[in-house]
Amino acid sequence: MAAPRSCALCRYWGRCWSPTPRCCTVPGLRFSWRENPLGVRFMSQEQRTKETHFGFETVSEEEKGGKVYQVFESVAKKYDVMNDMMSLGIHRIWKDLLLWKMHPFPGTQLLDVAGGTGDIAFRFLNHVQAQHREKQKRHLRTQQHLSWEEIAKKYQDEEADPLGGCRVVVCDINKEMLKMGKQKACAQGYKTGIAWVLGDAEELPFDDDKFDIYTIAFGIRNVTHIDQALQEAYRVLKPGGRFLCLEFSRVNNPLISRLYDLYSFQVIPVLGEVIAGDWKSYQYLVESIRQFPPQEEFKEIIEDAGFQKVTYESLTSGIVAIHSGFKL
């Protein structure tokens, strides 16, 4: 069941997700985001007349928000399966590389935007838990003089917080995507250290200077105002915080580019129809990739939002890229 509109947040507290009353909010959570079914922000008449792209189609900015919402509402149940089919499983490697670049430290507070099905969040939790256990083992090896009672107590103390103070908040505008993420978390045993928030990347419901790391994987190209989403990312990061974006980008090899286009336009929509029963949504996803700015141009957009030391790394001949920047 999707989260009720009066409660944008669902959290884990030692059990599977359940709605959190408004009076029991995560510190730093703001309820300034206007709740409505499509997450469309209220605009003036002048703003509503502005046009943007929805794939190769030209639509009003207001209309795009609703269309993108409907796309992900439609594909949510088959989203993970289609990711595996479309990328032949390579998306898993790309996400692993994003986490490797993240290199979280003890106590890291992560915000994963457009992360509905939890792929980045679960990788983060696995990583920090393994990191914490290894640190614990190294520490105990240096204390061979301890009695077994003292060692057992130390293990018990560590088990009270197996994540070493690390936490992740998954924020997504789409209720169905969040619903699938919560179901996966319950099925895979992720019970602590994760919160689920219904929210708009262009108007995040969090206080300033709240998170150490902000990630967004395969989500920012679907945002109507990319510059505004980046400004929000900058706002919620702590000074010294890091922005990381994994997104489809521009292929840099002409031969691979032609093969990639052929596969994208002739195969992916067919897979969408056969597996998810939805040709149009996957046609849009393919088209939206072509509308997204290339690596260097996106780097400049990130810098315009205030980030410094902005770099990027192209993966798989530029099919995707990881952009990184810091709030300094």
Protein backbone atom coordinates (compact mmCIF):
# COMPACT_ATOMS: atom_id res chain seq x y z
CA MET A 1 0.00 0.00 0.00
CA ALA A 2 1.39 3.41 -0.93
CA ALA A 3 2.17 5.99 1.73
CA PRO A 4 -0.79 8.24 2.57
CA ARG A 5 -0.60 11.81 1.42
CA SER A 6 -0.70 13.11 4.96
CA CYS A 7 2.47 11.20 5.70
CA ALA A 8 5.33 11.58 3.27
CA LEU A 9 7.72 9.45 5.30
CA CYS A 10 7.93 5.72 5.95
CA ARG A 11 10.73 4.44 8.09
CA TYR A 12 12.36 1.36 9.46
CA TRP A 13 12.52 0.98 13.22
CA GLY A 14 13.68 -2.60 13.70
CA ARG A 15 10.88 -3.95 11.48
CA CYS A 16 9.46 -3.62 7.99
CA TRP A 17 8.29 -0.19 6.90
CA SER A 18 5.29 1.46 8.41
CA PRO A 19 3.87 4.97 8.08
CA THR A 20 5.47 7.42 10.48
CA PRO A 21 3.14 9.92 12.15
CA ARG A 22 3.79 13.53 11.36
CA CYS A 23 4.79 14.15 14.95
CA CYS A 24 7.62 11.58 14.66
CA THR A 25 9.69 12.97 11.84
CA VAL A 26 13.31 12.45 10.91
CA PRO A 27 15.32 15.42 12.25
CA GLY A 28 15.72 17.99 9.52
CA LEU A 29 12.68 16.84 7.51
CA ARG A 30 10.58 19.72 6.23
CA PHE A 31 6.99 19.34 5.11
CA SER A 32 7.14 22.32 2.79
CA TRP A 33 6.70 20.14 -0.29
CA ARG A 34 3.15 20.48 -1.57
CA GLU A 35 1.59 17.06 -1.71
CA ASN A 36 -0.43 16.18 -4.80
CA PRO A 37 -0.71 13.00 -6.87
CA LEU A 38 1.79 13.95 -9.54
CA GLY A 39 4.15 16.06 -7.46
CA VAL A 40 3.54 19.00 -9.81
CA ARG A 41 4.51 22.27 -8.21
CA PHE A 42 2.12 25.22 -8.31
CA MET A 43 3.10 27.72 -10.99
CA SER A 44 1.97 31.07 -12.29
CA GLN A 45 0.18 31.31 -15.65
CA GLU A 46 3.39 32.62 -17.22
CA GLN A 47 5.38 29.65 -15.95
CA ARG A 48 2.79 27.16 -17.17
CA THR A 49 3.19 28.39 -20.74
CA LYS A 50 6.89 27.51 -20.81
CA GLU A 51 7.79 24.51 -22.91
CA THR A 52 10.29 21.70 -22.45
CA HIS A 53 10.92 18.25 -23.88
CA PHE A 54 9.39 14.93 -22.97
CA GLY A 55 11.62 12.64 -24.96
CA PHE A 56 11.40 14.01 -28.50
CA GLU A 57 7.99 15.53 -27.82
CA THR A 58 7.54 19.21 -26.91
CA VAL A 59 5.25 19.74 -23.92
CA SER A 60 4.59 22.39 -21.30
CA GLU A 61 6.76 22.24 -18.17
CA GLU A 62 3.69 21.52 -16.05
CA GLU A 63 2.65 18.67 -18.35
CA LYS A 64 6.08 17.03 -18.24
CA GLY A 65 5.91 16.44 -14.50
CA GLY A 66 2.69 14.48 -14.87
CA LYS A 67 3.93 12.50 -17.87
CA VAL A 68 7.17 11.47 -16.16
CA TYR A 69 5.21 10.46 -13.07
CA GLN A 70 2.95 8.25 -15.17
CA VAL A 71 5.95 6.63 -16.89
CA PHE A 72 7.48 5.47 -13.61
CA GLU A 73 4.14 4.57 -12.09
CA SER A 74 3.61 2.31 -15.10
CA VAL A 75 7.05 0.63 -15.07
CA ALA A 76 7.64 0.40 -11.28
CA LYS A 77 6.79 -3.30 -10.90
CA LYS A 78 9.10 -4.35 -13.75
CA TYR A 79 11.70 -1.60 -13.26
CA ASP A 80 14.48 -3.79 -11.83
CA VAL A 81 13.87 -6.63 -14.30
CA MET A 82 13.95 -4.21 -17.22
CA ASN A 83 17.19 -2.64 -15.97
CA ASP A 84 18.82 -6.06 -16.08
CA MET A 85 17.40 -6.83 -19.52
CA MET A 86 18.17 -3.46 -21.11
CA SER A 87 21.75 -3.24 -19.84
CA LEU A 88 22.47 -6.99 -19.84
CA GLY A 89 23.17 -6.57 -16.11
CA ILE A 90 25.90 -3.95 -16.61
CA HIS A 91 23.90 -1.38 -14.62
CA ARG A 92 24.92 -3.30 -11.51
CA ILE A 93 28.60 -2.66 -12.25
CA TRP A 94 27.91 1.03 -12.89
CA LYS A 95 26.17 1.33 -9.51
CA ASP A 96 28.99 -0.55 -7.78
CA LEU A 97 31.45 1.95 -9.28
CA LEU A 98 29.32 4.83 -8.00
CA LEU A 99 29.55 3.41 -4.49
CA TRP A 100 33.30 2.86 -4.87
CA LYS A 101 33.67 6.54 -5.79
CA MET A 102 31.48 7.52 -2.85
CA HIS A 103 33.83 5.93 -0.31
CA PRO A 104 31.56 6.59 2.70
CA PHE A 105 33.15 7.18 6.09
CA PRO A 106 31.79 6.19 9.55
CA GLY A 107 28.69 8.21 10.35
CA THR A 108 27.97 9.19 6.73
CA GLN A 109 24.50 10.63 6.17
CA LEU A 110 23.46 9.84 2.58
CA LEU A 111 20.56 11.26 0.59
CA ASP A 112 19.67 9.17 -2.47
CA VAL A 113 17.28 11.11 -4.71
CA ALA A 114 15.13 9.36 -7.31
CA GLY A 115 16.22 6.15 -5.60
CA GLY A 116 12.79 4.53 -5.27
CA THR A 117 13.70 0.86 -5.70
CA GLY A 118 16.65 1.18 -3.31
CA ASP A 119 19.54 -0.05 -5.48
CA ILE A 120 22.00 2.63 -4.31
CA ALA A 121 20.72 2.64 -0.73
CA PHE A 122 21.09 -1.13 -0.31
CA ARG A 123 24.61 -1.06 -1.75
CA PHE A 124 25.48 1.72 0.68
CA LEU A 125 24.12 -0.22 3.68
CA ASN A 126 25.97 -3.39 2.65
CA HIS A 127 29.21 -1.46 2.21
CA VAL A 128 29.14 0.44 5.50
CA GLN A 129 28.09 -2.66 7.45
CA ALA A 130 30.96 -4.69 5.98
CA GLN A 131 33.32 -1.77 6.61
CA HIS A 132 32.16 -1.50 10.22
CA ARG A 133 32.60 -5.23 10.87
CA GLU A 134 36.10 -5.21 9.42
CA LYS A 135 37.04 -2.24 11.58
CA GLN A 136 35.67 -4.06 14.63
CA LYS A 137 37.72 -7.18 13.86
CA ARG A 138 40.92 -5.15 13.40
CA HIS A 139 40.29 -3.38 16.69
CA LEU A 140 39.77 -6.61 18.61
CA ARG A 141 42.93 -8.16 17.14
CA THR A 142 44.92 -5.37 18.80
CA GLN A 143 43.38 -6.19 22.18
CA GLN A 144 44.42 -9.80 22.72
CA HIS A 145 44.65 -9.20 26.48
CA LEU A 146 40.87 -8.91 26.82
CA SER A 147 38.90 -11.71 28.46
CA TRP A 148 36.23 -13.49 26.44
CA GLU A 149 33.57 -11.71 28.52
CA GLU A 150 35.01 -8.33 27.53
CA ILE A 151 35.25 -9.36 23.88
CA ALA A 152 31.65 -10.60 23.92
CA LYS A 153 30.49 -7.32 25.44
CA LYS A 154 32.30 -5.30 22.78
CA TYR A 155 30.59 -7.36 20.06
CA GLN A 156 27.23 -6.77 21.71
CA ASP A 157 27.87 -3.04 21.91
CA GLU A 158 28.82 -2.94 18.23
CA GLU A 159 25.74 -4.95 17.24
CA ALA A 160 23.57 -2.19 18.71
CA ASP A 161 24.55 -0.11 15.67
CA PRO A 162 26.02 -2.35 12.96
CA LEU A 163 26.17 0.61 10.55
CA GLY A 164 28.56 2.69 12.62
CA GLY A 165 26.20 5.67 12.67
CA CYS A 166 25.66 5.70 8.90
CA ARG A 167 22.16 6.40 7.61
CA VAL A 168 20.51 6.71 4.20
CA VAL A 169 17.36 8.55 3.18
CA VAL A 170 15.74 7.48 -0.09
CA CYS A 171 13.73 10.33 -1.62
CA ASP A 172 11.52 9.80 -4.66
CA ILE A 173 8.57 11.67 -6.15
CA ASN A 174 6.80 8.48 -7.21
CA LYS A 175 4.78 6.48 -4.67
CA GLU A 176 4.86 3.28 -6.71
CA MET A 177 8.65 3.33 -6.98
CA LEU A 178 8.96 3.87 -3.22
CA LYS A 179 6.47 1.06 -2.64
CA MET A 180 8.63 -1.35 -4.63
CA GLY A 181 11.74 -0.22 -2.75
CA LYS A 182 10.10 -0.82 0.62
CA GLN A 183 8.96 -4.26 -0.44
CA LYS A 184 12.49 -5.15 -1.56
CA ALA A 185 13.90 -3.88 1.74
CA CYS A 186 11.53 -6.06 3.75
CA ALA A 187 12.24 -9.11 1.58
CA GLN A 188 16.02 -8.65 1.81
CA GLY A 189 16.11 -7.90 5.52
CA TYR A 190 17.06 -4.21 5.56
CA LYS A 191 15.47 -3.16 8.84
CA THR A 192 17.52 -0.26 10.19
CA GLY A 193 19.41 2.76 8.93
CA ILE A 194 17.07 3.57 6.04
CA ALA A 195 14.21 6.04 5.67
CA TRP A 196 11.82 6.52 2.76
CA VAL A 197 10.59 10.00 1.87
CA LEU A 198 8.11 11.08 -0.78
CA GLY A 199 9.57 14.29 -2.20
CA ASP A 200 10.40 16.40 -5.24
CA ALA A 201 14.04 16.77 -6.34
CA GLU A 202 13.28 20.39 -7.22
CA GLU A 203 11.94 21.18 -3.74
CA LEU A 204 13.51 18.76 -1.27
CA PRO A 205 11.72 18.46 2.10
CA PHE A 206 14.94 18.73 4.15
CA ASP A 207 16.76 21.42 6.10
CA ASP A 208 19.90 23.12 4.82
CA ASP A 209 23.32 21.50 5.43
CA LYS A 210 21.80 18.14 6.35
CA PHE A 211 23.67 15.42 4.39
CA ASP A 212 27.28 14.39 3.77
CA ILE A 213 26.61 12.85 0.34
CA TYR A 214 23.87 13.34 -2.26
CA THR A 215 23.43 10.72 -4.98
CA ILE A 216 21.08 10.54 -7.93
CA ALA A 217 21.30 7.59 -10.33
CA PHE A 218 19.45 7.61 -13.65
CA GLY A 219 17.04 10.23 -12.34
CA ILE A 220 18.20 13.73 -13.08
CA ARG A 221 17.42 13.61 -16.81
CA ASN A 222 13.74 13.15 -15.87
CA VAL A 223 13.64 16.35 -13.81
CA THR A 224 11.90 19.31 -15.46
CA HIS A 225 14.34 21.94 -14.12
CA ILE A 226 17.77 20.33 -13.76
CA ASP A 227 19.34 23.57 -12.54
CA GLN A 228 16.83 23.83 -9.71
CA ALA A 229 17.39 20.20 -8.67
CA LEU A 230 21.14 20.88 -8.53
CA GLN A 231 20.59 23.99 -6.42
CA GLU A 232 18.52 21.90 -4.01
CA ALA A 233 21.29 19.29 -3.88
CA TYR A 234 23.75 22.05 -3.00
CA ARG A 235 21.42 23.44 -0.32
CA VAL A 236 20.89 20.19 1.60
CA LEU A 237 24.56 19.14 1.56
CA LYS A 238 26.79 20.04 4.48
CA PRO A 239 29.84 22.21 3.78
CA GLY A 240 32.38 19.77 2.36
CA GLY A 241 29.57 17.48 1.22
CA ARG A 242 29.74 15.61 -2.07
CA PHE A 243 27.38 15.42 -5.05
CA LEU A 244 27.47 12.24 -7.17
CA CYS A 245 25.38 11.67 -10.27
CA LEU A 246 25.24 8.48 -12.35
CA GLU A 247 23.45 9.15 -15.63
CA PHE A 248 23.29 8.10 -19.26
CA SER A 249 25.55 10.30 -21.33
CA ARG A 250 27.12 10.72 -24.77
CA VAL A 251 28.88 7.78 -26.45
CA ASN A 252 32.35 8.81 -27.64
CA ASN A 253 32.99 6.04 -30.18
CA PRO A 254 31.23 6.49 -33.59
CA LEU A 255 30.86 2.77 -34.27
CA ILE A 256 29.58 1.99 -30.78
CA SER A 257 27.29 5.02 -31.03
CA ARG A 258 25.60 3.64 -34.16
CA LEU A 259 25.19 0.19 -32.61
CA TYR A 260 23.91 1.74 -29.38
CA ASP A 261 21.31 3.80 -31.27
CA LEU A 262 20.15 0.73 -33.16
CA TYR A 263 19.80 -1.27 -29.95
CA SER A 264 18.13 1.60 -28.09
CA PHE A 265 15.44 2.40 -30.64
CA GLN A 266 14.84 -1.03 -32.15
CA VAL A 267 15.26 -3.38 -29.18
CA ILE A 268 14.56 -1.58 -25.88
CA PRO A 269 10.96 -0.52 -26.67
CA VAL A 270 10.24 -4.08 -27.82
CA LEU A 271 11.63 -5.43 -24.53
CA GLY A 272 9.42 -2.92 -22.73
CA GLU A 273 6.35 -4.19 -24.54
CA VAL A 274 7.18 -7.89 -24.04
CA ILE A 275 8.31 -7.74 -20.40
CA ALA A 276 6.48 -4.73 -18.95
CA GLY A 277 3.61 -4.41 -21.44
CA ASP A 278 4.61 -0.81 -22.05
CA TRP A 279 6.20 0.30 -25.32
CA LYS A 280 5.65 4.05 -24.90
CA SER A 281 7.37 4.40 -21.53
CA TYR A 282 10.55 2.77 -22.77
CA GLN A 283 10.42 4.76 -25.99
CA TYR A 284 10.39 7.86 -23.78
CA LEU A 285 13.31 6.57 -21.68
CA VAL A 286 15.40 6.04 -24.81
CA GLU A 287 14.51 9.48 -26.18
CA SER A 288 15.18 11.20 -22.84
CA ILE A 289 18.75 9.90 -22.92
CA ARG A 290 19.35 11.67 -26.26
CA GLN A 291 18.00 14.94 -24.85
CA PHE A 292 20.33 14.93 -21.85
CA PRO A 293 23.42 17.16 -22.16
CA PRO A 294 26.81 15.55 -22.90
CA GLN A 295 29.45 15.12 -20.21
CA GLU A 296 31.26 18.45 -20.49
CA GLU A 297 28.06 20.50 -20.77
CA PHE A 298 26.54 18.80 -17.72
CA LYS A 299 29.77 19.47 -15.82
CA GLU A 300 29.32 23.20 -16.49
CA ILE A 301 25.67 23.06 -15.33
CA ILE A 302 26.81 21.47 -12.05
CA GLU A 303 29.43 24.20 -11.61
CA ASP A 304 26.78 26.87 -12.24
CA ALA A 305 24.86 25.47 -9.25
CA GLY A 306 27.84 26.32 -7.01
CA PHE A 307 29.72 23.04 -6.85
CA GLN A 308 33.50 23.03 -7.02
CA LYS A 309 36.12 20.49 -8.06
CA VAL A 310 33.60 19.07 -10.54
CA THR A 311 34.88 16.07 -12.48
CA TYR A 312 33.37 13.22 -14.46
CA GLU A 313 34.29 9.75 -15.60
CA SER A 314 32.77 8.15 -18.68
CA LEU A 315 31.97 4.44 -18.40
CA THR A 316 31.37 1.87 -21.16
CA SER A 317 32.49 4.23 -23.95
CA GLY A 318 30.37 7.07 -22.56
CA ILE A 319 27.06 5.22 -22.41
CA VAL A 320 26.95 6.46 -18.82
CA ALA A 321 29.02 8.91 -16.80
CA ILE A 322 29.59 9.62 -13.13
CA HIS A 323 29.81 13.32 -12.27
CA SER A 324 31.21 14.43 -8.93
CA GLY A 325 31.29 17.82 -7.22
CA PHE A 326 31.83 19.29 -3.76
CA LYS A 327 30.13 21.98 -1.69
CA LEU A 328 33.15 23.99 -0.53
